[in-house]
Amino acid sequence: MIYQDPLAYLLGLEGIALLDAWAGDHDRAFTDARLDEIRRLLDDEKLRDRGVHAERVSTVTAYQQQAAGYDAEAGGGLFAADEPVVAEYLGGREPGVALDAACGTGRFAEFLAGRGHRVIGVDSSPDMLAHARRRVPDGDFHVAELERLPLPDDSMDVIVCALALVHVPRLEPVLAEFVRVLRPGGDLVISDIHHEHVTRGSVITARGPAGEPCIVATYRHRLGDYLRPALSLGLQVRRCEEPTAIGTGRPLPVPATQIGDWGYWPWSLMAYLPSAARAAGGRPSLVIWHFQLPDA
């Protein structure tokens, strides 16, 4: 059970921004503005007694509800942040057999097929796979878990796994399975939600049978949590990026006057405090790894 309170979230955003100011990223006017906002938040009647308890649910349950609108809604700026990096990592790769692991609606399956790869996709959600099959009719898609891939040893030239390992409690079994099916010289590209972005509220939500709030189990993996098992399994690091999906060049929007319903948290909460949200949002949203399995 997770307890979420919008006032606590907004104060947390202010706290992140104030800590960055403490470290020298902002001036006194910024700090004074944050302190004034905190006083206003504490006096805001709309934020009183709005907390909710949310049950944890499986990805299969949540994505059954999310599948139809996932590409338009859930991906948001994360897709725009990771797709150019993945394209750069794999730009010089010759066509081969490629696995889109936890393929979702098939956005990277489509990318890989467009570059001449024979594409295999796996996902635990039949609803997401239905979209992937329509998107990439020539792909070979399977319902499967990442820890138990229905593939033979040394059968993949490329593996892409995007925005999925954040739902896995332990990375080593999944990475070991990737290494098992990857051919020597093969490329493994992982795009995942950065642990700082999870802290700022990037989770998949759903509703229970009676409309009760639910949240997919989400884990905050730090860089070492990927690196330690990857190196122990013989993978070599080629690249690593930590992009942000929140732009800083656009003018700040006018602050929202309503915090929105639970299903729109935390994004509607961020709109309530655009200055603090932008300051806090300058931290990484994604971590993108390029590993390679050495030639035998």
C-alpha atoms as a PDB file:
ATOM      1  CA  MET A   1       0.000   0.000   0.000  1.00  0.00           C
ATOM      2  CA  ILE A   2       1.325   3.433  -1.006  1.00  0.00           C
ATOM      3  CA  TYR A   3       0.075   6.685   0.504  1.00  0.00           C
ATOM      4  CA  GLN A   4       0.187   9.722  -1.775  1.00  0.00           C
ATOM      5  CA  ASP A   5      -0.672  13.244  -0.653  1.00  0.00           C
ATOM      6  CA  PRO A   6      -0.603  16.137  -3.145  1.00  0.00           C
ATOM      7  CA  LEU A   7       0.573  18.650  -0.540  1.00  0.00           C
ATOM      8  CA  ALA A   8       3.476  16.364   0.373  1.00  0.00           C
ATOM      9  CA  TYR A   9       4.383  16.002  -3.306  1.00  0.00           C
ATOM     10  CA  LEU A  10       4.363  19.757  -3.937  1.00  0.00           C
ATOM     11  CA  LEU A  11       6.452  20.414  -0.848  1.00  0.00           C
ATOM     12  CA  GLY A  12       8.851  17.746  -2.086  1.00  0.00           C
ATOM     13  CA  LEU A  13       9.253  19.541  -5.419  1.00  0.00           C
ATOM     14  CA  GLU A  14       9.948  22.763  -3.556  1.00  0.00           C
ATOM     15  CA  GLY A  15      12.499  20.915  -1.449  1.00  0.00           C
ATOM     16  CA  ILE A  16      14.361  19.563  -4.484  1.00  0.00           C
ATOM     17  CA  ALA A  17      14.476  23.048  -5.976  1.00  0.00           C
ATOM     18  CA  LEU A  18      15.684  24.550  -2.695  1.00  0.00           C
ATOM     19  CA  LEU A  19      18.450  21.954  -2.341  1.00  0.00           C
ATOM     20  CA  ASP A  20      19.668  22.827  -5.836  1.00  0.00           C
ATOM     21  CA  ALA A  21      19.609  26.487  -4.822  1.00  0.00           C
ATOM     22  CA  TRP A  22      21.618  25.597  -1.728  1.00  0.00           C
ATOM     23  CA  ALA A  23      24.185  23.950  -4.032  1.00  0.00           C
ATOM     24  CA  GLY A  24      24.471  27.168  -6.064  1.00  0.00           C
ATOM     25  CA  ASP A  25      22.134  26.560  -9.021  1.00  0.00           C
ATOM     26  CA  HIS A  26      19.773  29.471  -8.199  1.00  0.00           C
ATOM     27  CA  ASP A  27      19.888  32.920  -6.646  1.00  0.00           C
ATOM     28  CA  ARG A  28      18.281  34.490  -3.578  1.00  0.00           C
ATOM     29  CA  ALA A  29      15.193  35.640  -5.518  1.00  0.00           C
ATOM     30  CA  PHE A  30      14.531  32.039  -6.544  1.00  0.00           C
ATOM     31  CA  THR A  31      14.941  30.829  -2.967  1.00  0.00           C
ATOM     32  CA  ASP A  32      12.651  33.537  -1.603  1.00  0.00           C
ATOM     33  CA  ALA A  33      10.028  32.672  -4.238  1.00  0.00           C
ATOM     34  CA  ARG A  34      10.116  28.998  -3.212  1.00  0.00           C
ATOM     35  CA  LEU A  35       9.693  29.871   0.463  1.00  0.00           C
ATOM     36  CA  ASP A  36       6.758  32.144  -0.382  1.00  0.00           C
ATOM     37  CA  GLU A  37       5.170  29.314  -2.382  1.00  0.00           C
ATOM     38  CA  ILE A  38       5.605  26.907   0.516  1.00  0.00           C
ATOM     39  CA  ARG A  39       3.727  29.291   2.800  1.00  0.00           C
ATOM     40  CA  ARG A  40       0.961  29.547   0.195  1.00  0.00           C
ATOM     41  CA  LEU A  41       0.756  25.780  -0.185  1.00  0.00           C
ATOM     42  CA  LEU A  42       0.391  25.271   3.545  1.00  0.00           C
ATOM     43  CA  ASP A  43      -2.548  27.707   3.568  1.00  0.00           C
ATOM     44  CA  ASP A  44      -4.239  26.281   0.430  1.00  0.00           C
ATOM     45  CA  GLU A  45      -7.579  24.691   1.307  1.00  0.00           C
ATOM     46  CA  LYS A  46      -7.648  22.750  -1.990  1.00  0.00           C
ATOM     47  CA  LEU A  47      -4.694  20.696  -0.756  1.00  0.00           C
ATOM     48  CA  ARG A  48      -6.214  19.699   2.575  1.00  0.00           C
ATOM     49  CA  ASP A  49      -7.088  16.035   3.169  1.00  0.00           C
ATOM     50  CA  ARG A  50      -6.561  14.968  -0.450  1.00  0.00           C
ATOM     51  CA  GLY A  51      -4.237  12.018   0.203  1.00  0.00           C
ATOM     52  CA  VAL A  52      -5.039   8.547  -1.183  1.00  0.00           C
ATOM     53  CA  HIS A  53      -3.942   4.981  -0.487  1.00  0.00           C
ATOM     54  CA  ALA A  54      -2.996   3.075  -3.667  1.00  0.00           C
ATOM     55  CA  GLU A  55      -2.575  -0.683  -4.026  1.00  0.00           C
ATOM     56  CA  ARG A  56       0.305  -2.150  -6.016  1.00  0.00           C
ATOM     57  CA  VAL A  57      -0.775  -4.147  -9.088  1.00  0.00           C
ATOM     58  CA  SER A  58       0.964  -6.100 -11.836  1.00  0.00           C
ATOM     59  CA  THR A  59       2.043  -4.643 -15.159  1.00  0.00           C
ATOM     60  CA  VAL A  60      -0.425  -6.960 -16.921  1.00  0.00           C
ATOM     61  CA  THR A  61      -3.342  -5.450 -14.988  1.00  0.00           C
ATOM     62  CA  ALA A  62      -2.242  -1.869 -15.553  1.00  0.00           C
ATOM     63  CA  TYR A  63      -1.336  -2.176 -19.218  1.00  0.00           C
ATOM     64  CA  GLN A  64      -4.677  -3.804 -19.971  1.00  0.00           C
ATOM     65  CA  GLN A  65      -6.122  -0.403 -19.099  1.00  0.00           C
ATOM     66  CA  GLN A  66      -3.277   1.664 -20.563  1.00  0.00           C
ATOM     67  CA  ALA A  67      -2.690  -0.089 -23.900  1.00  0.00           C
ATOM     68  CA  ALA A  68      -5.101   1.886 -26.090  1.00  0.00           C
ATOM     69  CA  GLY A  69      -3.723   5.303 -25.145  1.00  0.00           C
ATOM     70  CA  TYR A  70      -0.217   4.391 -24.056  1.00  0.00           C
ATOM     71  CA  ASP A  71       1.733   5.898 -26.956  1.00  0.00           C
ATOM     72  CA  ALA A  72      -0.162   9.191 -26.787  1.00  0.00           C
ATOM     73  CA  GLU A  73      -0.271   9.551 -23.020  1.00  0.00           C
ATOM     74  CA  ALA A  74       2.048   7.407 -20.918  1.00  0.00           C
ATOM     75  CA  GLY A  75       5.185   7.770 -23.024  1.00  0.00           C
ATOM     76  CA  GLY A  76       5.033  11.540 -23.081  1.00  0.00           C
ATOM     77  CA  GLY A  77       8.394  13.240 -23.485  1.00  0.00           C
ATOM     78  CA  LEU A  78      10.260  10.050 -22.606  1.00  0.00           C
ATOM     79  CA  PHE A  79       9.820   8.676 -26.131  1.00  0.00           C
ATOM     80  CA  ALA A  80      11.266  11.835 -27.648  1.00  0.00           C
ATOM     81  CA  ALA A  81      14.197  11.617 -25.234  1.00  0.00           C
ATOM     82  CA  ASP A  82      15.223   7.990 -25.755  1.00  0.00           C
ATOM     83  CA  GLU A  83      14.508   7.344 -29.439  1.00  0.00           C
ATOM     84  CA  PRO A  84      17.292   9.571 -30.874  1.00  0.00           C
ATOM     85  CA  VAL A  85      19.829   8.105 -28.445  1.00  0.00           C
ATOM     86  CA  VAL A  86      18.893   4.510 -29.255  1.00  0.00           C
ATOM     87  CA  ALA A  87      19.016   5.335 -32.971  1.00  0.00           C
ATOM     88  CA  GLU A  88      22.509   6.763 -32.510  1.00  0.00           C
ATOM     89  CA  TYR A  89      23.705   3.735 -30.537  1.00  0.00           C
ATOM     90  CA  LEU A  90      22.512   1.328 -33.233  1.00  0.00           C
ATOM     91  CA  GLY A  91      23.076   3.530 -36.274  1.00  0.00           C
ATOM     92  CA  GLY A  92      26.018   1.562 -37.624  1.00  0.00           C
ATOM     93  CA  ARG A  93      24.681  -1.891 -36.830  1.00  0.00           C
ATOM     94  CA  GLU A  94      24.218  -4.281 -39.759  1.00  0.00           C
ATOM     95  CA  PRO A  95      20.739  -5.859 -40.050  1.00  0.00           C
ATOM     96  CA  GLY A  96      20.295  -9.131 -38.195  1.00  0.00           C
ATOM     97  CA  VAL A  97      17.899 -10.732 -35.755  1.00  0.00           C
ATOM     98  CA  ALA A  98      16.666  -8.221 -33.191  1.00  0.00           C
ATOM     99  CA  LEU A  99      14.685  -8.646 -29.994  1.00  0.00           C
ATOM    100  CA  ASP A 100      12.404  -5.915 -28.691  1.00  0.00           C
ATOM    101  CA  ALA A 101      12.227  -7.062 -25.054  1.00  0.00           C
ATOM    102  CA  ALA A 102       9.125  -5.843 -23.206  1.00  0.00           C
ATOM    103  CA  CYS A 103       8.122  -4.426 -26.570  1.00  0.00           C
ATOM    104  CA  GLY A 104       4.862  -2.824 -25.435  1.00  0.00           C
ATOM    105  CA  THR A 105       3.049  -1.372 -28.435  1.00  0.00           C
ATOM    106  CA  GLY A 106       6.057  -2.067 -30.658  1.00  0.00           C
ATOM    107  CA  ARG A 107       7.670   1.319 -31.130  1.00  0.00           C
ATOM    108  CA  PHE A 108      11.211  -0.105 -31.143  1.00  0.00           C
ATOM    109  CA  ALA A 109      10.099  -3.214 -33.020  1.00  0.00           C
ATOM    110  CA  GLU A 110       8.984  -0.815 -35.750  1.00  0.00           C
ATOM    111  CA  PHE A 111      12.285   1.075 -35.525  1.00  0.00           C
ATOM    112  CA  LEU A 112      14.316  -2.140 -35.830  1.00  0.00           C
ATOM    113  CA  ALA A 113      12.202  -3.519 -38.684  1.00  0.00           C
ATOM    114  CA  GLY A 114      12.645  -0.250 -40.533  1.00  0.00           C
ATOM    115  CA  ARG A 115      16.407  -0.766 -40.406  1.00  0.00           C
ATOM    116  CA  GLY A 116      16.217  -4.210 -41.946  1.00  0.00           C
ATOM    117  CA  HIS A 117      16.276  -6.409 -38.844  1.00  0.00           C
ATOM    118  CA  ARG A 118      14.145  -9.530 -38.489  1.00  0.00           C
ATOM    119  CA  VAL A 119      12.199  -8.596 -35.380  1.00  0.00           C
ATOM    120  CA  ILE A 120      11.062 -10.684 -32.442  1.00  0.00           C
ATOM    121  CA  GLY A 121       9.070  -9.030 -29.671  1.00  0.00           C
ATOM    122  CA  VAL A 122       8.133 -10.273 -26.211  1.00  0.00           C
ATOM    123  CA  ASP A 123       5.905  -8.707 -23.585  1.00  0.00           C
ATOM    124  CA  SER A 124       3.909  -9.889 -20.595  1.00  0.00           C
ATOM    125  CA  SER A 125       0.833  -7.904 -21.702  1.00  0.00           C
ATOM    126  CA  PRO A 126      -1.370  -9.471 -24.406  1.00  0.00           C
ATOM    127  CA  ASP A 127      -3.114  -6.116 -24.820  1.00  0.00           C
ATOM    128  CA  MET A 128       0.118  -4.289 -25.620  1.00  0.00           C
ATOM    129  CA  LEU A 129       1.205  -7.086 -27.966  1.00  0.00           C
ATOM    130  CA  ALA A 130      -2.017  -6.723 -29.942  1.00  0.00           C
ATOM    131  CA  HIS A 131      -0.967  -3.150 -30.795  1.00  0.00           C
ATOM    132  CA  ALA A 132       2.582  -4.288 -31.613  1.00  0.00           C
ATOM    133  CA  ARG A 133       1.336  -6.936 -34.054  1.00  0.00           C
ATOM    134  CA  ARG A 134      -0.737  -4.369 -35.924  1.00  0.00           C
ATOM    135  CA  ARG A 135       2.191  -1.975 -35.960  1.00  0.00           C
ATOM    136  CA  VAL A 136       4.736  -4.515 -37.241  1.00  0.00           C
ATOM    137  CA  PRO A 137       2.792  -7.197 -39.169  1.00  0.00           C
ATOM    138  CA  ASP A 138       5.967  -9.087 -40.128  1.00  0.00           C
ATOM    139  CA  GLY A 139       7.241  -9.278 -36.527  1.00  0.00           C
ATOM    140  CA  ASP A 140       7.218 -12.443 -34.437  1.00  0.00           C
ATOM    141  CA  PHE A 141       5.587 -11.598 -31.091  1.00  0.00           C
ATOM    142  CA  HIS A 142       5.231 -13.694 -27.944  1.00  0.00           C
ATOM    143  CA  VAL A 143       3.684 -13.354 -24.488  1.00  0.00           C
ATOM    144  CA  ALA A 144       6.642 -13.958 -22.186  1.00  0.00           C
ATOM    145  CA  GLU A 145       8.492 -12.732 -19.101  1.00  0.00           C
ATOM    146  CA  LEU A 146      11.939 -11.174 -19.415  1.00  0.00           C
ATOM    147  CA  GLU A 147      13.409 -13.738 -17.007  1.00  0.00           C
ATOM    148  CA  ARG A 148      12.233 -16.610 -19.253  1.00  0.00           C
ATOM    149  CA  LEU A 149      12.643 -15.698 -22.901  1.00  0.00           C
ATOM    150  CA  PRO A 150      11.260 -18.265 -25.390  1.00  0.00           C
ATOM    151  CA  LEU A 151      14.427 -18.059 -27.473  1.00  0.00           C
ATOM    152  CA  PRO A 152      17.449 -20.311 -28.042  1.00  0.00           C
ATOM    153  CA  ASP A 153      20.952 -19.478 -26.859  1.00  0.00           C
ATOM    154  CA  ASP A 154      23.098 -17.165 -29.017  1.00  0.00           C
ATOM    155  CA  SER A 155      20.199 -16.268 -31.318  1.00  0.00           C
ATOM    156  CA  MET A 156      19.982 -12.453 -31.189  1.00  0.00           C
ATOM    157  CA  ASP A 157      22.231  -9.867 -32.801  1.00  0.00           C
ATOM    158  CA  VAL A 158      20.518  -6.901 -31.112  1.00  0.00           C
ATOM    159  CA  ILE A 159      18.363  -6.528 -28.019  1.00  0.00           C
ATOM    160  CA  VAL A 160      16.481  -3.343 -27.154  1.00  0.00           C
ATOM    161  CA  CYS A 161      14.652  -3.079 -23.833  1.00  0.00           C
ATOM    162  CA  ALA A 162      12.874   0.224 -23.187  1.00  0.00           C
ATOM    163  CA  LEU A 163      11.066   1.600 -20.120  1.00  0.00           C
ATOM    164  CA  ALA A 164      10.569  -1.855 -18.620  1.00  0.00           C
ATOM    165  CA  LEU A 165      13.312  -2.765 -16.152  1.00  0.00           C
ATOM    166  CA  VAL A 166      11.912  -0.169 -13.769  1.00  0.00           C
ATOM    167  CA  HIS A 167       9.232  -2.812 -13.042  1.00  0.00           C
ATOM    168  CA  VAL A 168      11.771  -5.571 -12.299  1.00  0.00           C
ATOM    169  CA  PRO A 169      12.866  -5.975  -8.655  1.00  0.00           C
ATOM    170  CA  ARG A 170      16.226  -7.607  -9.472  1.00  0.00           C
ATOM    171  CA  LEU A 171      18.112  -6.863 -12.681  1.00  0.00           C
ATOM    172  CA  GLU A 172      20.608  -9.737 -12.668  1.00  0.00           C
ATOM    173  CA  PRO A 173      18.177 -12.510 -13.769  1.00  0.00           C
ATOM    174  CA  VAL A 174      16.950 -10.402 -16.688  1.00  0.00           C
ATOM    175  CA  LEU A 175      20.438  -9.359 -17.778  1.00  0.00           C
ATOM    176  CA  ALA A 176      21.589 -12.985 -17.517  1.00  0.00           C
ATOM    177  CA  GLU A 177      18.750 -13.991 -19.854  1.00  0.00           C
ATOM    178  CA  PHE A 178      19.704 -11.236 -22.292  1.00  0.00           C
ATOM    179  CA  VAL A 179      23.309 -12.480 -22.292  1.00  0.00           C
ATOM    180  CA  ARG A 180      22.118 -16.060 -22.842  1.00  0.00           C
ATOM    181  CA  VAL A 181      20.273 -15.223 -26.053  1.00  0.00           C
ATOM    182  CA  LEU A 182      22.717 -12.575 -27.340  1.00  0.00           C
ATOM    183  CA  ARG A 183      25.315 -13.668 -29.845  1.00  0.00           C
ATOM    184  CA  PRO A 184      28.979 -12.784 -29.281  1.00  0.00           C
ATOM    185  CA  GLY A 185      29.504  -9.318 -30.686  1.00  0.00           C
ATOM    186  CA  GLY A 186      25.838  -8.490 -30.163  1.00  0.00           C
ATOM    187  CA  ASP A 187      24.471  -5.190 -28.879  1.00  0.00           C
ATOM    188  CA  LEU A 188      22.204  -4.670 -25.879  1.00  0.00           C
ATOM    189  CA  VAL A 189      20.548  -1.260 -25.533  1.00  0.00           C
ATOM    190  CA  ILE A 190      18.551  -0.492 -22.396  1.00  0.00           C
ATOM    191  CA  SER A 191      16.466   2.631 -21.892  1.00  0.00           C
ATOM    192  CA  ASP A 192      14.939   2.884 -18.441  1.00  0.00           C
ATOM    193  CA  ILE A 193      13.253   5.381 -16.149  1.00  0.00           C
ATOM    194  CA  HIS A 194      15.921   7.110 -14.077  1.00  0.00           C
ATOM    195  CA  HIS A 195      15.594   6.519 -10.359  1.00  0.00           C
ATOM    196  CA  GLU A 196      15.322  10.282  -9.806  1.00  0.00           C
ATOM    197  CA  HIS A 197      12.379  10.460 -12.220  1.00  0.00           C
ATOM    198  CA  VAL A 198      10.621   7.635 -10.368  1.00  0.00           C
ATOM    199  CA  THR A 199      11.023   9.649  -7.174  1.00  0.00           C
ATOM    200  CA  ARG A 200       9.413  12.613  -8.956  1.00  0.00           C
ATOM    201  CA  GLY A 201       6.350  10.485  -9.702  1.00  0.00           C
ATOM    202  CA  SER A 202       6.950   8.650 -12.988  1.00  0.00           C
ATOM    203  CA  VAL A 203       4.876   5.518 -12.376  1.00  0.00           C
ATOM    204  CA  ILE A 204       2.120   3.690 -14.257  1.00  0.00           C
ATOM    205  CA  THR A 205      -1.269   3.987 -12.583  1.00  0.00           C
ATOM    206  CA  ALA A 206      -4.489   2.021 -12.919  1.00  0.00           C
ATOM    207  CA  ARG A 207      -7.869   1.571 -11.292  1.00  0.00           C
ATOM    208  CA  GLY A 208      -9.152  -1.392  -9.317  1.00  0.00           C
ATOM    209  CA  PRO A 209     -12.527  -3.107  -9.845  1.00  0.00           C
ATOM    210  CA  ALA A 210     -14.324  -0.470  -7.758  1.00  0.00           C
ATOM    211  CA  GLY A 211     -12.326   2.426  -9.166  1.00  0.00           C
ATOM    212  CA  GLU A 212      -9.791   2.409  -6.341  1.00  0.00           C
ATOM    213  CA  PRO A 213      -6.305   3.837  -7.040  1.00  0.00           C
ATOM    214  CA  CYS A 214      -3.617   1.330  -8.087  1.00  0.00           C
ATOM    215  CA  ILE A 215       0.056   1.727  -8.977  1.00  0.00           C
ATOM    216  CA  VAL A 216       2.345  -0.684 -10.814  1.00  0.00           C
ATOM    217  CA  ALA A 217       5.231  -1.929  -8.689  1.00  0.00           C
ATOM    218  CA  THR A 218       8.153   0.347  -9.603  1.00  0.00           C
ATOM    219  CA  TYR A 219      11.785   0.101  -8.492  1.00  0.00           C
ATOM    220  CA  ARG A 220      14.427   2.805  -8.296  1.00  0.00           C
ATOM    221  CA  HIS A 221      17.504   1.190  -9.828  1.00  0.00           C
ATOM    222  CA  ARG A 222      20.694   3.192  -9.447  1.00  0.00           C
ATOM    223  CA  LEU A 223      23.455   3.117 -12.046  1.00  0.00           C
ATOM    224  CA  GLY A 224      25.437   0.547 -10.119  1.00  0.00           C
ATOM    225  CA  ASP A 225      22.434  -1.776 -10.061  1.00  0.00           C
ATOM    226  CA  TYR A 226      22.750  -2.109 -13.850  1.00  0.00           C
ATOM    227  CA  LEU A 227      26.516  -1.984 -14.004  1.00  0.00           C
ATOM    228  CA  ARG A 228      27.428  -4.622 -11.417  1.00  0.00           C
ATOM    229  CA  PRO A 229      25.472  -7.521 -12.963  1.00  0.00           C
ATOM    230  CA  ALA A 230      26.267  -6.428 -16.509  1.00  0.00           C
ATOM    231  CA  LEU A 231      30.021  -6.522 -15.891  1.00  0.00           C
ATOM    232  CA  SER A 232      29.816  -9.776 -13.951  1.00  0.00           C
ATOM    233  CA  LEU A 233      28.034 -11.362 -16.927  1.00  0.00           C
ATOM    234  CA  GLY A 234      30.761 -10.282 -19.338  1.00  0.00           C
ATOM    235  CA  LEU A 235      29.047  -7.314 -20.976  1.00  0.00           C
ATOM    236  CA  GLN A 236      31.135  -4.319 -21.940  1.00  0.00           C
ATOM    237  CA  VAL A 237      29.890  -0.726 -21.619  1.00  0.00           C
ATOM    238  CA  ARG A 238      29.990   1.241 -24.859  1.00  0.00           C
ATOM    239  CA  ARG A 239      27.891   4.282 -23.952  1.00  0.00           C
ATOM    240  CA  CYS A 240      25.695   5.647 -21.198  1.00  0.00           C
ATOM    241  CA  GLU A 241      23.473   8.741 -21.246  1.00  0.00           C
ATOM    242  CA  GLU A 242      21.179  10.325 -18.654  1.00  0.00           C
ATOM    243  CA  PRO A 243      18.891  12.640 -20.645  1.00  0.00           C
ATOM    244  CA  THR A 244      16.093  14.744 -19.268  1.00  0.00           C
ATOM    245  CA  ALA A 245      12.670  14.769 -20.896  1.00  0.00           C
ATOM    246  CA  ILE A 246      11.716  18.200 -19.555  1.00  0.00           C
ATOM    247  CA  GLY A 247      12.743  21.145 -21.715  1.00  0.00           C
ATOM    248  CA  THR A 248      13.990  24.343 -20.127  1.00  0.00           C
ATOM    249  CA  GLY A 249      13.885  26.657 -23.134  1.00  0.00           C
ATOM    250  CA  ARG A 250      10.135  27.226 -23.325  1.00  0.00           C
ATOM    251  CA  PRO A 251       8.425  30.025 -21.370  1.00  0.00           C
ATOM    252  CA  LEU A 252       6.918  28.949 -18.078  1.00  0.00           C
ATOM    253  CA  PRO A 253       3.174  28.280 -18.275  1.00  0.00           C
ATOM    254  CA  VAL A 254       0.677  30.115 -16.137  1.00  0.00           C
ATOM    255  CA  PRO A 255       0.274  28.133 -12.884  1.00  0.00           C
ATOM    256  CA  ALA A 256      -2.733  25.818 -12.842  1.00  0.00           C
ATOM    257  CA  THR A 257      -5.509  26.681 -10.415  1.00  0.00           C
ATOM    258  CA  GLN A 258      -6.723  23.090  -9.922  1.00  0.00           C
ATOM    259  CA  ILE A 259      -4.603  20.115  -8.900  1.00  0.00           C
ATOM    260  CA  GLY A 260      -6.616  17.575 -10.931  1.00  0.00           C
ATOM    261  CA  ASP A 261      -7.942  14.152 -10.027  1.00  0.00           C
ATOM    262  CA  TRP A 262      -5.731  11.383  -8.681  1.00  0.00           C
ATOM    263  CA  GLY A 263      -5.350   9.770 -12.096  1.00  0.00           C
ATOM    264  CA  TYR A 264      -3.523  12.861 -13.356  1.00  0.00           C
ATOM    265  CA  TRP A 265      -1.056  13.135 -10.493  1.00  0.00           C
ATOM    266  CA  PRO A 266       1.806  14.044 -10.451  1.00  0.00           C
ATOM    267  CA  TRP A 267       1.681  15.848 -13.800  1.00  0.00           C
ATOM    268  CA  SER A 268      -1.242  18.065 -12.829  1.00  0.00           C
ATOM    269  CA  LEU A 269       0.562  18.792  -9.560  1.00  0.00           C
ATOM    270  CA  MET A 270       3.662  19.911 -11.439  1.00  0.00           C
ATOM    271  CA  ALA A 271       1.473  22.359 -13.372  1.00  0.00           C
ATOM    272  CA  TYR A 272       0.456  23.853 -10.042  1.00  0.00           C
ATOM    273  CA  LEU A 273       4.055  24.982  -9.401  1.00  0.00           C
ATOM    274  CA  PRO A 274       5.723  25.453 -12.811  1.00  0.00           C
ATOM    275  CA  SER A 275       8.859  27.234 -11.538  1.00  0.00           C
ATOM    276  CA  ALA A 276       9.651  24.662  -8.863  1.00  0.00           C
ATOM    277  CA  ALA A 277       8.662  21.777 -11.157  1.00  0.00           C
ATOM    278  CA  ARG A 278      10.987  22.977 -13.896  1.00  0.00           C
ATOM    279  CA  ALA A 279      13.852  23.415 -11.449  1.00  0.00           C
ATOM    280  CA  ALA A 280      13.312  19.957  -9.993  1.00  0.00           C
ATOM    281  CA  GLY A 281      12.738  18.496 -13.465  1.00  0.00           C
ATOM    282  CA  GLY A 282      16.201  19.424 -14.670  1.00  0.00           C
ATOM    283  CA  ARG A 283      17.446  16.165 -13.210  1.00  0.00           C
ATOM    284  CA  PRO A 284      17.698  13.026 -15.393  1.00  0.00           C
ATOM    285  CA  SER A 285      14.513  11.377 -16.590  1.00  0.00           C
ATOM    286  CA  LEU A 286      16.133   8.364 -18.273  1.00  0.00           C
ATOM    287  CA  VAL A 287      19.249   6.250 -18.191  1.00  0.00           C
ATOM    288  CA  ILE A 288      20.212   4.728 -21.550  1.00  0.00           C
ATOM    289  CA  TRP A 289      22.910   2.049 -21.724  1.00  0.00           C
ATOM    290  CA  HIS A 290      24.703   0.539 -24.688  1.00  0.00           C
ATOM    291  CA  PHE A 291      26.317  -2.772 -23.746  1.00  0.00           C
ATOM    292  CA  GLN A 292      28.086  -5.209 -26.047  1.00  0.00           C
ATOM    293  CA  LEU A 293      28.912  -8.874 -25.631  1.00  0.00           C
ATOM    294  CA  PRO A 294      32.504  -9.401 -26.752  1.00  0.00           C
ATOM    295  CA  ASP A 295      33.272 -11.713 -29.667  1.00  0.00           C
ATOM    296  CA  ALA A 296      34.207 -15.193 -28.514  1.00  0.00           C
END
